[in-house]
Amino acid sequence: MEISLIQQTSSPYESAEHAQDALRGVSRLPGYEYGYVDGNRTVSFHRTGEAGSMLYKGQKRVFAITGAMTSGALITSSLQPKESRNA
């Protein structure tokens, strides 16, 4: 099964510790699936209601493949709309 997620990359924080604190807050948002700190930025993944929903600065759409053969979600980045990936 493939699901659409939004990957959100934050603006830089003062330090990795500040980014970690911010990620703790982000992890409480509805739709939050996974996140990590990369240097002094947060990178988080959120379920979207629609595959065609609007994207904002710092966001990109990714697709997760889940199923019996995977443990958790396998994230595959896609910079193109889903319709053009199979063309």
PDB file of N, CA and C in Angstrom:
ATOM      1  N   MET A   1       0.851  -1.183   0.000  1.00  0.00           N
ATOM      2  CA  MET A   1       0.000   0.000   0.000  1.00  0.00           C
ATOM      3  C   MET A   1       0.891   1.239   0.000  1.00  0.00           C
ATOM      4  N   GLU A   2       0.553   2.202  -0.830  1.00  0.00           N
ATOM      5  CA  GLU A   2       1.317   3.439  -0.914  1.00  0.00           C
ATOM      6  C   GLU A   2       0.507   4.572  -0.288  1.00  0.00           C
ATOM      7  N   ILE A   3       1.146   5.346   0.584  1.00  0.00           N
ATOM      8  CA  ILE A   3       0.479   6.499   1.187  1.00  0.00           C
ATOM      9  C   ILE A   3       1.296   7.751   0.898  1.00  0.00           C
ATOM     10  N   SER A   4       0.613   8.864   0.822  1.00  0.00           N
ATOM     11  CA  SER A   4       1.254  10.151   0.564  1.00  0.00           C
ATOM     12  C   SER A   4       1.586  10.831   1.886  1.00  0.00           C
ATOM     13  N   LEU A   5       2.818  11.321   2.003  1.00  0.00           N
ATOM     14  CA  LEU A   5       3.259  12.064   3.172  1.00  0.00           C
ATOM     15  C   LEU A   5       3.847  13.391   2.721  1.00  0.00           C
ATOM     16  N   ILE A   6       3.870  14.352   3.610  1.00  0.00           N
ATOM     17  CA  ILE A   6       4.584  15.596   3.361  1.00  0.00           C
ATOM     18  C   ILE A   6       5.822  15.597   4.238  1.00  0.00           C
ATOM     19  N   GLN A   7       6.971  15.852   3.606  1.00  0.00           N
ATOM     20  CA  GLN A   7       8.227  16.006   4.334  1.00  0.00           C
ATOM     21  C   GLN A   7       8.418  17.490   4.582  1.00  0.00           C
ATOM     22  N   GLN A   8       8.550  17.865   5.843  1.00  0.00           N
ATOM     23  CA  GLN A   8       8.747  19.262   6.231  1.00  0.00           C
ATOM     24  C   GLN A   8      10.149  19.423   6.785  1.00  0.00           C
ATOM     25  N   THR A   9      10.937  20.331   6.183  1.00  0.00           N
ATOM     26  CA  THR A   9      12.270  20.656   6.678  1.00  0.00           C
ATOM     27  C   THR A   9      12.208  22.057   7.268  1.00  0.00           C
ATOM     28  N   SER A  10      12.636  22.198   8.500  1.00  0.00           N
ATOM     29  CA  SER A  10      12.545  23.486   9.192  1.00  0.00           C
ATOM     30  C   SER A  10      13.657  24.435   8.760  1.00  0.00           C
ATOM     31  N   SER A  11      13.500  25.675   9.135  1.00  0.00           N
ATOM     32  CA  SER A  11      14.600  26.642   9.057  1.00  0.00           C
ATOM     33  C   SER A  11      15.607  26.248  10.126  1.00  0.00           C
ATOM     34  N   PRO A  12      16.857  26.698  10.007  1.00  0.00           N
ATOM     35  CA  PRO A  12      17.861  26.335  11.017  1.00  0.00           C
ATOM     36  C   PRO A  12      17.526  26.896  12.403  1.00  0.00           C
ATOM     37  N   TYR A  13      17.798  26.101  13.413  1.00  0.00           N
ATOM     38  CA  TYR A  13      17.698  26.532  14.808  1.00  0.00           C
ATOM     39  C   TYR A  13      19.090  26.924  15.285  1.00  0.00           C
ATOM     40  N   GLU A  14      19.181  27.537  16.448  1.00  0.00           N
ATOM     41  CA  GLU A  14      20.474  27.969  17.008  1.00  0.00           C
ATOM     42  C   GLU A  14      21.422  26.801  17.236  1.00  0.00           C
ATOM     43  N   SER A  15      20.861  25.649  17.566  1.00  0.00           N
ATOM     44  CA  SER A  15      21.691  24.482  17.861  1.00  0.00           C
ATOM     45  C   SER A  15      20.879  23.212  17.626  1.00  0.00           C
ATOM     46  N   ALA A  16      21.578  22.088  17.631  1.00  0.00           N
ATOM     47  CA  ALA A  16      20.911  20.794  17.502  1.00  0.00           C
ATOM     48  C   ALA A  16      19.974  20.547  18.690  1.00  0.00           C
ATOM     49  N   GLU A  17      20.347  21.045  19.865  1.00  0.00           N
ATOM     50  CA  GLU A  17      19.501  20.875  21.051  1.00  0.00           C
ATOM     51  C   GLU A  17      18.180  21.627  20.885  1.00  0.00           C
ATOM     52  N   HIS A  18      18.225  22.843  20.321  1.00  0.00           N
ATOM     53  CA  HIS A  18      16.990  23.583  20.056  1.00  0.00           C
ATOM     54  C   HIS A  18      16.144  22.875  19.007  1.00  0.00           C
ATOM     55  N   ALA A  19      16.803  22.295  18.006  1.00  0.00           N
ATOM     56  CA  ALA A  19      16.071  21.548  16.982  1.00  0.00           C
ATOM     57  C   ALA A  19      15.392  20.323  17.602  1.00  0.00           C
ATOM     58  N   GLN A  20      16.089  19.639  18.508  1.00  0.00           N
ATOM     59  CA  GLN A  20      15.504  18.474  19.181  1.00  0.00           C
ATOM     60  C   GLN A  20      14.286  18.880  20.006  1.00  0.00           C
ATOM     61  N   ASP A  21      14.364  19.996  20.703  1.00  0.00           N
ATOM     62  CA  ASP A  21      13.214  20.503  21.464  1.00  0.00           C
ATOM     63  C   ASP A  21      12.042  20.803  20.529  1.00  0.00           C
ATOM     64  N   ALA A  22      12.334  21.428  19.383  1.00  0.00           N
ATOM     65  CA  ALA A  22      11.281  21.745  18.414  1.00  0.00           C
ATOM     66  C   ALA A  22      10.646  20.472  17.875  1.00  0.00           C
ATOM     67  N   LEU A  23      11.458  19.449  17.615  1.00  0.00           N
ATOM     68  CA  LEU A  23      10.930  18.185  17.096  1.00  0.00           C
ATOM     69  C   LEU A  23       9.988  17.527  18.102  1.00  0.00           C
ATOM     70  N   ARG A  24      10.291  17.663  19.388  1.00  0.00           N
ATOM     71  CA  ARG A  24       9.372  17.113  20.397  1.00  0.00           C
ATOM     72  C   ARG A  24       7.994  17.758  20.276  1.00  0.00           C
ATOM     73  N   GLY A  25       7.967  19.067  20.019  1.00  0.00           N
ATOM     74  CA  GLY A  25       6.685  19.747  19.827  1.00  0.00           C
ATOM     75  C   GLY A  25       5.997  19.328  18.542  1.00  0.00           C
ATOM     76  N   VAL A  26       6.752  19.231  17.461  1.00  0.00           N
ATOM     77  CA  VAL A  26       6.205  18.828  16.159  1.00  0.00           C
ATOM     78  C   VAL A  26       5.617  17.427  16.244  1.00  0.00           C
ATOM     79  N   SER A  27       6.231  16.561  17.018  1.00  0.00           N
ATOM     80  CA  SER A  27       5.769  15.169  17.107  1.00  0.00           C
ATOM     81  C   SER A  27       4.374  15.045  17.727  1.00  0.00           C
ATOM     82  N   ARG A  28       3.892  16.115  18.342  1.00  0.00           N
ATOM     83  CA  ARG A  28       2.548  16.095  18.945  1.00  0.00           C
ATOM     84  C   ARG A  28       1.462  16.554  17.979  1.00  0.00           C
ATOM     85  N   LEU A  29       1.853  17.010  16.786  1.00  0.00           N
ATOM     86  CA  LEU A  29       0.869  17.501  15.810  1.00  0.00           C
ATOM     87  C   LEU A  29       0.071  16.348  15.216  1.00  0.00           C
ATOM     88  N   PRO A  30      -1.207  16.577  14.902  1.00  0.00           N
ATOM     89  CA  PRO A  30      -1.997  15.543  14.233  1.00  0.00           C
ATOM     90  C   PRO A  30      -1.360  15.189  12.886  1.00  0.00           C
ATOM     91  N   GLY A  31      -1.325  13.918  12.555  1.00  0.00           N
ATOM     92  CA  GLY A  31      -0.784  13.469  11.279  1.00  0.00           C
ATOM     93  C   GLY A  31       0.714  13.189  11.291  1.00  0.00           C
ATOM     94  N   TYR A  32       1.401  13.522  12.397  1.00  0.00           N
ATOM     95  CA  TYR A  32       2.842  13.278  12.495  1.00  0.00           C
ATOM     96  C   TYR A  32       3.110  11.783  12.427  1.00  0.00           C
ATOM     97  N   GLU A  33       4.088  11.382  11.593  1.00  0.00           N
ATOM     98  CA  GLU A  33       4.459   9.974  11.469  1.00  0.00           C
ATOM     99  C   GLU A  33       5.873   9.699  11.979  1.00  0.00           C
ATOM    100  N   TYR A  34       6.826  10.566  11.617  1.00  0.00           N
ATOM    101  CA  TYR A  34       8.227  10.298  11.912  1.00  0.00           C
ATOM    102  C   TYR A  34       9.009  11.596  11.784  1.00  0.00           C
ATOM    103  N   GLY A  35      10.121  11.716  12.494  1.00  0.00           N
ATOM    104  CA  GLY A  35      10.962  12.888  12.354  1.00  0.00           C
ATOM    105  C   GLY A  35      12.349  12.648  12.917  1.00  0.00           C
ATOM    106  N   TYR A  36      13.270  13.524  12.524  1.00  0.00           N
ATOM    107  CA  TYR A  36      14.634  13.441  13.031  1.00  0.00           C
ATOM    108  C   TYR A  36      15.284  14.819  12.943  1.00  0.00           C
ATOM    109  N   VAL A  37      16.423  14.961  13.613  1.00  0.00           N
ATOM    110  CA  VAL A  37      17.191  16.196  13.570  1.00  0.00           C
ATOM    111  C   VAL A  37      18.372  15.971  12.633  1.00  0.00           C
ATOM    112  N   ASP A  38      18.554  16.900  11.701  1.00  0.00           N
ATOM    113  CA  ASP A  38      19.661  16.866  10.740  1.00  0.00           C
ATOM    114  C   ASP A  38      20.474  18.143  10.940  1.00  0.00           C
ATOM    115  N   GLY A  39      21.562  18.028  11.670  1.00  0.00           N
ATOM    116  CA  GLY A  39      22.350  19.219  12.012  1.00  0.00           C
ATOM    117  C   GLY A  39      21.571  20.077  12.996  1.00  0.00           C
ATOM    118  N   ASN A  40      21.159  21.257  12.559  1.00  0.00           N
ATOM    119  CA  ASN A  40      20.353  22.121  13.426  1.00  0.00           C
ATOM    120  C   ASN A  40      18.972  22.385  12.828  1.00  0.00           C
ATOM    121  N   ARG A  41      18.493  21.454  12.012  1.00  0.00           N
ATOM    122  CA  ARG A  41      17.150  21.524  11.414  1.00  0.00           C
ATOM    123  C   ARG A  41      16.358  20.281  11.799  1.00  0.00           C
ATOM    124  N   THR A  42      15.038  20.413  11.752  1.00  0.00           N
ATOM    125  CA  THR A  42      14.190  19.239  11.924  1.00  0.00           C
ATOM    126  C   THR A  42      13.688  18.805  10.552  1.00  0.00           C
ATOM    127  N   VAL A  43      13.529  17.514  10.401  1.00  0.00           N
ATOM    128  CA  VAL A  43      12.909  16.940   9.214  1.00  0.00           C
ATOM    129  C   VAL A  43      11.803  16.036   9.744  1.00  0.00           C
ATOM    130  N   SER A  44      10.563  16.307   9.335  1.00  0.00           N
ATOM    131  CA  SER A  44       9.448  15.513   9.843  1.00  0.00           C
ATOM    132  C   SER A  44       8.536  15.105   8.698  1.00  0.00           C
ATOM    133  N   PHE A  45       7.825  14.009   8.906  1.00  0.00           N
ATOM    134  CA  PHE A  45       6.926  13.447   7.907  1.00  0.00           C
ATOM    135  C   PHE A  45       5.526  13.401   8.487  1.00  0.00           C
ATOM    136  N   HIS A  46       4.558  13.867   7.686  1.00  0.00           N
ATOM    137  CA  HIS A  46       3.174  13.988   8.145  1.00  0.00           C
ATOM    138  C   HIS A  46       2.238  13.404   7.100  1.00  0.00           C
ATOM    139  N   ARG A  47       1.219  12.698   7.592  1.00  0.00           N
ATOM    140  CA  ARG A  47       0.179  12.206   6.686  1.00  0.00           C
ATOM    141  C   ARG A  47      -0.602  13.387   6.152  1.00  0.00           C
ATOM    142  N   THR A  48      -0.984  13.277   4.908  1.00  0.00           N
ATOM    143  CA  THR A  48      -1.801  14.323   4.293  1.00  0.00           C
ATOM    144  C   THR A  48      -3.183  13.774   4.036  1.00  0.00           C
ATOM    145  N   GLY A  49      -4.152  14.650   3.990  1.00  0.00           N
ATOM    146  CA  GLY A  49      -5.497  14.217   3.663  1.00  0.00           C
ATOM    147  C   GLY A  49      -5.642  13.853   2.200  1.00  0.00           C
ATOM    148  N   GLU A  50      -4.894  14.555   1.344  1.00  0.00           N
ATOM    149  CA  GLU A  50      -5.012  14.359  -0.091  1.00  0.00           C
ATOM    150  C   GLU A  50      -3.633  14.339  -0.738  1.00  0.00           C
ATOM    151  N   ALA A  51      -3.476  13.506  -1.753  1.00  0.00           N
ATOM    152  CA  ALA A  51      -2.198  13.443  -2.467  1.00  0.00           C
ATOM    153  C   ALA A  51      -1.923  14.728  -3.234  1.00  0.00           C
ATOM    154  N   GLY A  52      -2.936  15.493  -3.584  1.00  0.00           N
ATOM    155  CA  GLY A  52      -2.747  16.712  -4.351  1.00  0.00           C
ATOM    156  C   GLY A  52      -2.776  17.978  -3.524  1.00  0.00           C
ATOM    157  N   SER A  53      -2.645  17.861  -2.198  1.00  0.00           N
ATOM    158  CA  SER A  53      -2.722  19.049  -1.346  1.00  0.00           C
ATOM    159  C   SER A  53      -1.559  20.003  -1.626  1.00  0.00           C
ATOM    160  N   MET A  54      -1.777  21.273  -1.347  1.00  0.00           N
ATOM    161  CA  MET A  54      -0.796  22.317  -1.627  1.00  0.00           C
ATOM    162  C   MET A  54       0.453  22.178  -0.757  1.00  0.00           C
ATOM    163  N   LEU A  55       1.621  22.492  -1.335  1.00  0.00           N
ATOM    164  CA  LEU A  55       2.875  22.452  -0.599  1.00  0.00           C
ATOM    165  C   LEU A  55       3.364  23.870  -0.329  1.00  0.00           C
ATOM    166  N   TYR A  56       4.050  24.040   0.789  1.00  0.00           N
ATOM    167  CA  TYR A  56       4.578  25.336   1.189  1.00  0.00           C
ATOM    168  C   TYR A  56       6.098  25.256   1.291  1.00  0.00           C
ATOM    169  N   LYS A  57       6.755  26.385   1.567  1.00  0.00           N
ATOM    170  CA  LYS A  57       8.211  26.439   1.680  1.00  0.00           C
ATOM    171  C   LYS A  57       8.711  25.387   2.675  1.00  0.00           C
ATOM    172  N   GLY A  58       9.741  24.665   2.277  1.00  0.00           N
ATOM    173  CA  GLY A  58      10.321  23.642   3.140  1.00  0.00           C
ATOM    174  C   GLY A  58       9.617  22.300   3.071  1.00  0.00           C
ATOM    175  N   GLN A  59       8.624  22.166   2.182  1.00  0.00           N
ATOM    176  CA  GLN A  59       7.871  20.917   2.091  1.00  0.00           C
ATOM    177  C   GLN A  59       8.092  20.244   0.739  1.00  0.00           C
ATOM    178  N   LYS A  60       8.017  18.930   0.748  1.00  0.00           N
ATOM    179  CA  LYS A  60       7.942  18.169  -0.493  1.00  0.00           C
ATOM    180  C   LYS A  60       7.123  16.921  -0.225  1.00  0.00           C
ATOM    181  N   ARG A  61       6.538  16.406  -1.266  1.00  0.00           N
ATOM    182  CA  ARG A  61       5.703  15.215  -1.146  1.00  0.00           C
ATOM    183  C   ARG A  61       6.565  13.976  -1.296  1.00  0.00           C
ATOM    184  N   VAL A  62       6.351  13.014  -0.447  1.00  0.00           N
ATOM    185  CA  VAL A  62       7.021  11.720  -0.531  1.00  0.00           C
ATOM    186  C   VAL A  62       5.962  10.638  -0.432  1.00  0.00           C
ATOM    187  N   PHE A  63       6.306   9.452  -0.854  1.00  0.00           N
ATOM    188  CA  PHE A  63       5.373   8.342  -0.793  1.00  0.00           C
ATOM    189  C   PHE A  63       5.978   7.236   0.055  1.00  0.00           C
ATOM    190  N   ALA A  64       5.178   6.671   0.927  1.00  0.00           N
ATOM    191  CA  ALA A  64       5.614   5.577   1.794  1.00  0.00           C
ATOM    192  C   ALA A  64       4.937   4.307   1.326  1.00  0.00           C
ATOM    193  N   ILE A  65       5.698   3.246   1.294  1.00  0.00           N
ATOM    194  CA  ILE A  65       5.153   1.952   0.920  1.00  0.00           C
ATOM    195  C   ILE A  65       5.086   1.121   2.186  1.00  0.00           C
ATOM    196  N   THR A  66       3.909   0.663   2.521  1.00  0.00           N
ATOM    197  CA  THR A  66       3.725  -0.152   3.724  1.00  0.00           C
ATOM    198  C   THR A  66       3.117  -1.480   3.323  1.00  0.00           C
ATOM    199  N   GLY A  67       3.304  -2.472   4.149  1.00  0.00           N
ATOM    200  CA  GLY A  67       2.706  -3.767   3.858  1.00  0.00           C
ATOM    201  C   GLY A  67       3.307  -4.852   4.720  1.00  0.00           C
ATOM    202  N   ALA A  68       2.896  -6.077   4.465  1.00  0.00           N
ATOM    203  CA  ALA A  68       3.322  -7.214   5.268  1.00  0.00           C
ATOM    204  C   ALA A  68       4.822  -7.471   5.169  1.00  0.00           C
ATOM    205  N   MET A  69       5.449  -7.108   4.046  1.00  0.00           N
ATOM    206  CA  MET A  69       6.865  -7.385   3.851  1.00  0.00           C
ATOM    207  C   MET A  69       7.769  -6.277   4.396  1.00  0.00           C
ATOM    208  N   THR A  70       7.195  -5.184   4.892  1.00  0.00           N
ATOM    209  CA  THR A  70       8.011  -4.096   5.407  1.00  0.00           C
ATOM    210  C   THR A  70       7.797  -3.944   6.900  1.00  0.00           C
ATOM    211  N   SER A  71       8.820  -3.530   7.599  1.00  0.00           N
ATOM    212  CA  SER A  71       8.663  -3.209   9.014  1.00  0.00           C
ATOM    213  C   SER A  71       8.609  -1.695   9.104  1.00  0.00           C
ATOM    214  N   GLY A  72       7.429  -1.169   9.255  1.00  0.00           N
ATOM    215  CA  GLY A  72       7.249   0.277   9.248  1.00  0.00           C
ATOM    216  C   GLY A  72       7.068   0.761   7.823  1.00  0.00           C
ATOM    217  N   ALA A  73       7.519   1.978   7.563  1.00  0.00           N
ATOM    218  CA  ALA A  73       7.339   2.568   6.240  1.00  0.00           C
ATOM    219  C   ALA A  73       8.690   2.714   5.555  1.00  0.00           C
ATOM    220  N   LEU A  74       8.703   2.442   4.297  1.00  0.00           N
ATOM    221  CA  LEU A  74       9.877   2.644   3.466  1.00  0.00           C
ATOM    222  C   LEU A  74       9.645   3.944   2.719  1.00  0.00           C
ATOM    223  N   ILE A  75      10.453   4.957   2.944  1.00  0.00           N
ATOM    224  CA  ILE A  75      10.224   6.265   2.348  1.00  0.00           C
ATOM    225  C   ILE A  75      10.949   6.349   1.015  1.00  0.00           C
ATOM    226  N   THR A  76      10.215   6.709  -0.016  1.00  0.00           N
ATOM    227  CA  THR A  76      10.821   6.932  -1.315  1.00  0.00           C
ATOM    228  C   THR A  76      10.511   8.355  -1.726  1.00  0.00           C
ATOM    229  N   SER A  77      11.528   9.144  -1.968  1.00  0.00           N
ATOM    230  CA  SER A  77      11.342  10.544  -2.313  1.00  0.00           C
ATOM    231  C   SER A  77      10.871  10.684  -3.745  1.00  0.00           C
ATOM    232  N   SER A  78       9.979  11.620  -3.956  1.00  0.00           N
ATOM    233  CA  SER A  78       9.490  11.906  -5.296  1.00  0.00           C
ATOM    234  C   SER A  78       9.386  13.406  -5.455  1.00  0.00           C
ATOM    235  N   LEU A  79      10.122  13.950  -6.413  1.00  0.00           N
ATOM    236  CA  LEU A  79      10.056  15.378  -6.676  1.00  0.00           C
ATOM    237  C   LEU A  79       9.040  15.682  -7.766  1.00  0.00           C
ATOM    238  N   GLN A  80       8.486  14.663  -8.388  1.00  0.00           N
ATOM    239  CA  GLN A  80       7.506  14.833  -9.448  1.00  0.00           C
ATOM    240  C   GLN A  80       6.148  14.373  -8.947  1.00  0.00           C
ATOM    241  N   PRO A  81       5.068  14.887  -9.550  1.00  0.00           N
ATOM    242  CA  PRO A  81       3.741  14.396  -9.178  1.00  0.00           C
ATOM    243  C   PRO A  81       3.641  12.887  -9.437  1.00  0.00           C
ATOM    244  N   LYS A  82       2.833  12.221  -8.685  1.00  0.00           N
ATOM    245  CA  LYS A  82       2.686  10.779  -8.783  1.00  0.00           C
ATOM    246  C   LYS A  82       2.351  10.344 -10.206  1.00  0.00           C
ATOM    247  N   GLU A  83       1.502  11.087 -10.905  1.00  0.00           N
ATOM    248  CA  GLU A  83       1.066  10.700 -12.237  1.00  0.00           C
ATOM    249  C   GLU A  83       2.236  10.608 -13.209  1.00  0.00           C
ATOM    250  N   SER A  84       3.268  11.442 -13.051  1.00  0.00           N
ATOM    251  CA  SER A  84       4.367  11.443 -14.009  1.00  0.00           C
ATOM    252  C   SER A  84       5.491  10.484 -13.614  1.00  0.00           C
ATOM    253  N   ARG A  85       5.437   9.905 -12.403  1.00  0.00           N
ATOM    254  CA  ARG A  85       6.494   8.985 -11.996  1.00  0.00           C
ATOM    255  C   ARG A  85       6.480   7.706 -12.818  1.00  0.00           C
ATOM    256  N   ASN A  86       5.301   7.263 -13.259  1.00  0.00           N
ATOM    257  CA  ASN A  86       5.198   6.002 -13.986  1.00  0.00           C
ATOM    258  C   ASN A  86       5.250   6.190 -15.486  1.00  0.00           C
ATOM    259  N   ALA A  87       5.385   7.431 -15.964  1.00  0.00           N
ATOM    260  CA  ALA A  87       5.389   7.692 -17.399  1.00  0.00           C
ATOM    261  C   ALA A  87       6.687   7.284 -18.041  1.00  0.00           C
TER     262      ALA A  87
END
